[in-house]
PDB file of all heavy atoms in Angstrom:
ATOM      1  N   ALA A   1    -152.881  29.911 183.033  1.00  0.00           N
ATOM      2  CA  ALA A   1    -152.471  28.693 182.306  1.00  0.00           C
ATOM      3  C   ALA A   1    -153.492  27.583 182.544  1.00  0.00           C
ATOM      4  O   ALA A   1    -153.802  26.823 181.614  1.00  0.00           O
ATOM      5  CB  ALA A   1    -151.085  28.234 182.814  1.00  0.00           C
ATOM      6  N   GLY A   2    -154.081  27.536 183.724  1.00  0.00           N
ATOM      7  CA  GLY A   2    -155.106  26.552 184.012  1.00  0.00           C
ATOM      8  C   GLY A   2    -156.373  26.779 183.211  1.00  0.00           C
ATOM      9  O   GLY A   2    -157.060  25.825 182.804  1.00  0.00           O
ATOM     10  N   MET A   3    -156.718  28.044 183.003  1.00  0.00           N
ATOM     11  CA  MET A   3    -157.888  28.342 182.189  1.00  0.00           C
ATOM     12  C   MET A   3    -157.687  27.890 180.755  1.00  0.00           C
ATOM     13  O   MET A   3    -158.592  27.358 180.122  1.00  0.00           O
ATOM     14  CB  MET A   3    -158.210  29.862 182.258  1.00  0.00           C
ATOM     15  CG  MET A   3    -158.682  30.319 183.611  1.00  0.00           C
ATOM     16  SD  MET A   3    -159.372  32.021 183.637  1.00  0.00           S
ATOM     17  CE  MET A   3    -157.892  33.008 183.408  1.00  0.00           C
ATOM     18  N   ILE A   4    -156.490  28.087 180.243  1.00  0.00           N
ATOM     19  CA  ILE A   4    -156.167  27.648 178.880  1.00  0.00           C
ATOM     20  C   ILE A   4    -156.274  26.126 178.803  1.00  0.00           C
ATOM     21  O   ILE A   4    -156.831  25.567 177.830  1.00  0.00           O
ATOM     22  CB  ILE A   4    -154.765  28.146 178.461  1.00  0.00           C
ATOM     23  CG1 ILE A   4    -154.706  29.659 178.405  1.00  0.00           C
ATOM     24  CG2 ILE A   4    -154.382  27.524 177.101  1.00  0.00           C
ATOM     25  CD1 ILE A   4    -155.684  30.261 177.395  1.00  0.00           C
ATOM     26  N   GLU A   5    -155.731  25.419 179.825  1.00  0.00           N
ATOM     27  CA  GLU A   5    -155.829  23.973 179.819  1.00  0.00           C
ATOM     28  C   GLU A   5    -157.270  23.505 179.818  1.00  0.00           C
ATOM     29  O   GLU A   5    -157.627  22.550 179.122  1.00  0.00           O
ATOM     30  CB  GLU A   5    -155.110  23.426 181.053  1.00  0.00           C
ATOM     31  CG  GLU A   5    -153.615  23.524 181.012  1.00  0.00           C
ATOM     32  CD  GLU A   5    -153.010  22.656 179.933  1.00  0.00           C
ATOM     33  OE1 GLU A   5    -153.643  21.691 179.507  1.00  0.00           O
ATOM     34  OE2 GLU A   5    -151.877  22.950 179.516  1.00  0.00           O
ATOM     35  N   ALA A   6    -158.120  24.163 180.577  1.00  0.00           N
ATOM     36  CA  ALA A   6    -159.511  23.765 180.640  1.00  0.00           C
ATOM     37  C   ALA A   6    -160.221  23.985 179.310  1.00  0.00           C
ATOM     38  O   ALA A   6    -161.012  23.166 178.866  1.00  0.00           O
ATOM     39  CB  ALA A   6    -160.236  24.563 181.762  1.00  0.00           C
ATOM     40  N   LEU A   7    -159.903  25.073 178.630  1.00  0.00           N
ATOM     41  CA  LEU A   7    -160.484  25.331 177.324  1.00  0.00           C
ATOM     42  C   LEU A   7    -160.013  24.318 176.310  1.00  0.00           C
ATOM     43  O   LEU A   7    -160.830  23.838 175.464  1.00  0.00           O
ATOM     44  CB  LEU A   7    -160.124  26.758 176.849  1.00  0.00           C
ATOM     45  CG  LEU A   7    -160.714  27.907 177.677  1.00  0.00           C
ATOM     46  CD1 LEU A   7    -160.228  29.259 177.132  1.00  0.00           C
ATOM     47  CD2 LEU A   7    -162.211  27.852 177.699  1.00  0.00           C
ATOM     48  N   VAL A   8    -158.734  23.967 176.356  1.00  0.00           N
ATOM     49  CA  VAL A   8    -158.204  22.919 175.441  1.00  0.00           C
ATOM     50  C   VAL A   8    -158.910  21.589 175.683  1.00  0.00           C
ATOM     51  O   VAL A   8    -159.330  20.929 174.721  1.00  0.00           O
ATOM     52  CB  VAL A   8    -156.669  22.784 175.608  1.00  0.00           C
ATOM     53  CG1 VAL A   8    -156.177  21.531 174.908  1.00  0.00           C
ATOM     54  CG2 VAL A   8    -155.961  24.021 175.074  1.00  0.00           C
ATOM     55  N   ALA A   9    -159.066  21.255 176.930  1.00  0.00           N
ATOM     56  CA  ALA A   9    -159.682  19.956 177.262  1.00  0.00           C
ATOM     57  C   ALA A   9    -161.114  19.857 176.756  1.00  0.00           C
ATOM     58  O   ALA A   9    -161.552  18.796 176.269  1.00  0.00           O
ATOM     59  CB  ALA A   9    -159.646  19.719 178.771  1.00  0.00           C
ATOM     60  N   ASP A  10    -161.868  20.947 176.878  1.00  0.00           N
ATOM     61  CA  ASP A  10    -163.268  20.947 176.500  1.00  0.00           C
ATOM     62  C   ASP A  10    -163.430  21.156 174.989  1.00  0.00           C
ATOM     63  O   ASP A  10    -163.942  20.288 174.269  1.00  0.00           O
ATOM     64  CB  ASP A  10    -164.013  22.037 177.255  1.00  0.00           C
ATOM     65  CG  ASP A  10    -165.535  21.971 177.037  1.00  0.00           C
ATOM     66  OD1 ASP A  10    -166.014  21.147 176.253  1.00  0.00           O
ATOM     67  OD2 ASP A  10    -166.271  22.781 177.608  1.00  0.00           O
ATOM     68  N   TYR A  11    -162.997  22.292 174.464  1.00  0.00           N
ATOM     69  CA  TYR A  11    -163.304  22.646 173.099  1.00  0.00           C
ATOM     70  C   TYR A  11    -162.432  21.931 172.069  1.00  0.00           C
ATOM     71  O   TYR A  11    -162.951  21.538 171.000  1.00  0.00           O
ATOM     72  CB  TYR A  11    -163.171  24.181 172.919  1.00  0.00           C
ATOM     73  CG  TYR A  11    -164.242  24.929 173.671  1.00  0.00           C
ATOM     74  CD1 TYR A  11    -164.014  25.411 174.975  1.00  0.00           C
ATOM     75  CD2 TYR A  11    -165.488  25.160 173.084  1.00  0.00           C
ATOM     76  CE1 TYR A  11    -165.005  26.062 175.679  1.00  0.00           C
ATOM     77  CE2 TYR A  11    -166.465  25.823 173.805  1.00  0.00           C
ATOM     78  CZ  TYR A  11    -166.229  26.258 175.058  1.00  0.00           C
ATOM     79  OH  TYR A  11    -167.207  26.923 175.784  1.00  0.00           O
ATOM     80  N   ALA A  12    -161.130  21.746 172.378  1.00  0.00           N
ATOM     81  CA  ALA A  12    -160.274  21.099 171.383  1.00  0.00           C
ATOM     82  C   ALA A  12    -160.317  19.560 171.518  1.00  0.00           C
ATOM     83  O   ALA A  12    -160.584  18.875 170.554  1.00  0.00           O
ATOM     84  CB  ALA A  12    -158.842  21.599 171.579  1.00  0.00           C
ATOM     85  N   ASP A  13    -160.023  19.046 172.716  1.00  0.00           N
ATOM     86  CA  ASP A  13    -159.938  17.585 172.899  1.00  0.00           C
ATOM     87  C   ASP A  13    -161.312  16.908 172.851  1.00  0.00           C
ATOM     88  O   ASP A  13    -161.498  15.916 172.147  1.00  0.00           O
ATOM     89  CB  ASP A  13    -159.260  17.254 174.235  1.00  0.00           C
ATOM     90  CG  ASP A  13    -157.827  17.745 174.263  1.00  0.00           C
ATOM     91  OD1 ASP A  13    -157.242  18.021 173.215  1.00  0.00           O
ATOM     92  OD2 ASP A  13    -157.275  17.825 175.405  1.00  0.00           O
ATOM     93  N   LYS A  14    -162.259  17.471 173.566  1.00  0.00           N
ATOM     94  CA  LYS A  14    -163.582  16.814 173.674  1.00  0.00           C
ATOM     95  C   LYS A  14    -164.461  17.066 172.476  1.00  0.00           C
ATOM     96  O   LYS A  14    -165.086  16.163 171.909  1.00  0.00           O
ATOM     97  CB  LYS A  14    -164.286  17.249 174.998  1.00  0.00           C
ATOM     98  CG  LYS A  14    -165.644  16.606 175.219  1.00  0.00           C
ATOM     99  CD  LYS A  14    -166.230  17.109 176.539  1.00  0.00           C
ATOM    100  CE  LYS A  14    -167.621  16.496 176.775  1.00  0.00           C
ATOM    101  NZ  LYS A  14    -168.188  16.982 178.092  1.00  0.00           N
ATOM    102  N   ARG A  15    -164.542  18.341 172.047  1.00  0.00           N
ATOM    103  CA  ARG A  15    -165.474  18.706 170.955  1.00  0.00           C
ATOM    104  C   ARG A  15    -164.832  18.696 169.590  1.00  0.00           C
ATOM    105  O   ARG A  15    -165.549  18.771 168.574  1.00  0.00           O
ATOM    106  CB  ARG A  15    -166.043  20.080 171.211  1.00  0.00           C
ATOM    107  CG  ARG A  15    -166.734  20.250 172.561  1.00  0.00           C
ATOM    108  CD  ARG A  15    -167.562  21.535 172.563  1.00  0.00           C
ATOM    109  NE  ARG A  15    -167.797  22.031 173.918  1.00  0.00           N
ATOM    110  CZ  ARG A  15    -168.579  23.102 174.189  1.00  0.00           C
ATOM    111  NH1 ARG A  15    -169.189  23.731 173.201  1.00  0.00           N
ATOM    112  NH2 ARG A  15    -168.747  23.496 175.441  1.00  0.00           N
ATOM    113  N   GLY A  16    -163.509  18.676 169.514  1.00  0.00           N
ATOM    114  CA  GLY A  16    -162.829  18.643 168.214  1.00  0.00           C
ATOM    115  C   GLY A  16    -162.847  19.974 167.528  1.00  0.00           C
ATOM    116  O   GLY A  16    -162.732  20.012 166.268  1.00  0.00           O
ATOM    117  N   GLN A  17    -162.952  21.059 168.236  1.00  0.00           N
ATOM    118  CA  GLN A  17    -162.973  22.376 167.604  1.00  0.00           C
ATOM    119  C   GLN A  17    -161.630  23.050 167.644  1.00  0.00           C
ATOM    120  O   GLN A  17    -160.761  22.705 168.471  1.00  0.00           O
ATOM    121  CB  GLN A  17    -164.016  23.272 168.372  1.00  0.00           C
ATOM    122  CG  GLN A  17    -165.396  22.736 168.346  1.00  0.00           C
ATOM    123  CD  GLN A  17    -166.344  23.533 169.228  1.00  0.00           C
ATOM    124  OE1 GLN A  17    -165.978  24.540 169.816  1.00  0.00           O
ATOM    125  NE2 GLN A  17    -167.611  23.130 169.265  1.00  0.00           N
ATOM    126  N   MET A  18    -161.394  24.053 166.784  1.00  0.00           N
ATOM    127  CA  MET A  18    -160.216  24.893 166.892  1.00  0.00           C
ATOM    128  C   MET A  18    -160.535  25.994 167.897  1.00  0.00           C
ATOM    129  O   MET A  18    -161.632  26.585 167.861  1.00  0.00           O
ATOM    130  CB  MET A  18    -159.826  25.478 165.558  1.00  0.00           C
ATOM    131  CG  MET A  18    -158.492  26.264 165.635  1.00  0.00           C
ATOM    132  SD  MET A  18    -157.920  26.939 164.070  1.00  0.00           S
ATOM    133  CE  MET A  18    -158.756  28.542 164.090  1.00  0.00           C
ATOM    134  N   ILE A  19    -159.601  26.252 168.764  1.00  0.00           N
ATOM    135  CA  ILE A  19    -159.721  27.369 169.716  1.00  0.00           C
ATOM    136  C   ILE A  19    -158.909  28.572 169.213  1.00  0.00           C
ATOM    137  O   ILE A  19    -157.774  28.410 168.787  1.00  0.00           O
ATOM    138  CB  ILE A  19    -159.188  26.997 171.095  1.00  0.00           C
ATOM    139  CG1 ILE A  19    -159.879  25.730 171.610  1.00  0.00           C
ATOM    140  CG2 ILE A  19    -159.437  28.134 172.095  1.00  0.00           C
ATOM    141  CD1 ILE A  19    -159.313  25.205 172.930  1.00  0.00           C
ATOM    142  N   SER A  20    -159.538  29.736 169.245  1.00  0.00           N
ATOM    143  CA  SER A  20    -158.871  30.929 168.783  1.00  0.00           C
ATOM    144  C   SER A  20    -158.916  31.959 169.921  1.00  0.00           C
ATOM    145  O   SER A  20    -160.020  32.393 170.308  1.00  0.00           O
ATOM    146  CB  SER A  20    -159.554  31.501 167.557  1.00  0.00           C
ATOM    147  OG  SER A  20    -158.906  32.680 167.081  1.00  0.00           O
ATOM    148  N   VAL A  21    -157.772  32.352 170.440  1.00  0.00           N
ATOM    149  CA  VAL A  21    -157.687  33.231 171.594  1.00  0.00           C
ATOM    150  C   VAL A  21    -156.946  34.531 171.163  1.00  0.00           C
ATOM    151  O   VAL A  21    -155.885  34.453 170.580  1.00  0.00           O
ATOM    152  CB  VAL A  21    -156.939  32.596 172.780  1.00  0.00           C
ATOM    153  CG1 VAL A  21    -156.813  33.571 173.937  1.00  0.00           C
ATOM    154  CG2 VAL A  21    -157.661  31.329 173.206  1.00  0.00           C
ATOM    155  N   LEU A  22    -157.528  35.663 171.503  1.00  0.00           N
ATOM    156  CA  LEU A  22    -156.865  36.936 171.246  1.00  0.00           C
ATOM    157  C   LEU A  22    -156.665  37.659 172.574  1.00  0.00           C
ATOM    158  O   LEU A  22    -157.577  38.247 173.113  1.00  0.00           O
ATOM    159  CB  LEU A  22    -157.668  37.831 170.302  1.00  0.00           C
ATOM    160  CG  LEU A  22    -157.081  39.194 169.993  1.00  0.00           C
ATOM    161  CD1 LEU A  22    -155.699  39.039 169.329  1.00  0.00           C
ATOM    162  CD2 LEU A  22    -157.990  40.020 169.096  1.00  0.00           C
ATOM    163  N   PRO A  23    -155.450  37.586 173.169  1.00  0.00           N
ATOM    164  CA  PRO A  23    -155.172  38.297 174.419  1.00  0.00           C
ATOM    165  C   PRO A  23    -155.107  39.799 174.147  1.00  0.00           C
ATOM    166  O   PRO A  23    -154.837  40.234 173.021  1.00  0.00           O
ATOM    167  CB  PRO A  23    -153.809  37.756 174.859  1.00  0.00           C
ATOM    168  CG  PRO A  23    -153.520  36.568 173.970  1.00  0.00           C
ATOM    169  CD  PRO A  23    -154.288  36.793 172.740  1.00  0.00           C
ATOM    170  N   CYS A  24    -155.348  40.590 175.194  1.00  0.00           N
ATOM    171  CA  CYS A  24    -155.228  42.021 175.041  1.00  0.00           C
ATOM    172  C   CYS A  24    -153.745  42.445 175.078  1.00  0.00           C
ATOM    173  O   CYS A  24    -152.874  41.654 175.435  1.00  0.00           O
ATOM    174  CB  CYS A  24    -155.994  42.730 176.138  1.00  0.00           C
ATOM    175  SG  CYS A  24    -155.393  42.422 177.809  1.00  0.00           S
ATOM    176  N   ALA A  25    -153.492  43.693 174.698  1.00  0.00           N
ATOM    177  CA  ALA A  25    -152.139  44.224 174.782  1.00  0.00           C
ATOM    178  C   ALA A  25    -151.725  44.252 176.237  1.00  0.00           C
ATOM    179  O   ALA A  25    -152.511  44.587 177.137  1.00  0.00           O
ATOM    180  CB  ALA A  25    -152.094  45.629 174.179  1.00  0.00           C
ATOM    181  N   SER A  26    -150.463  43.918 176.467  1.00  0.00           N
ATOM    182  CA  SER A  26    -149.933  43.936 177.844  1.00  0.00           C
ATOM    183  C   SER A  26    -149.484  45.329 178.235  1.00  0.00           C
ATOM    184  O   SER A  26    -149.201  46.172 177.392  1.00  0.00           O
ATOM    185  CB  SER A  26    -148.745  42.981 177.924  1.00  0.00           C
ATOM    186  OG  SER A  26    -148.137  43.010 179.208  1.00  0.00           O
TER     187      SER A  26
END
């Protein structure tokens, strides 16, 4: 969850980009 928060803070909030994440099958 912390890794997701860090990606949101950098790529979405700071850079204004859309983040696209594809997790693997569980």
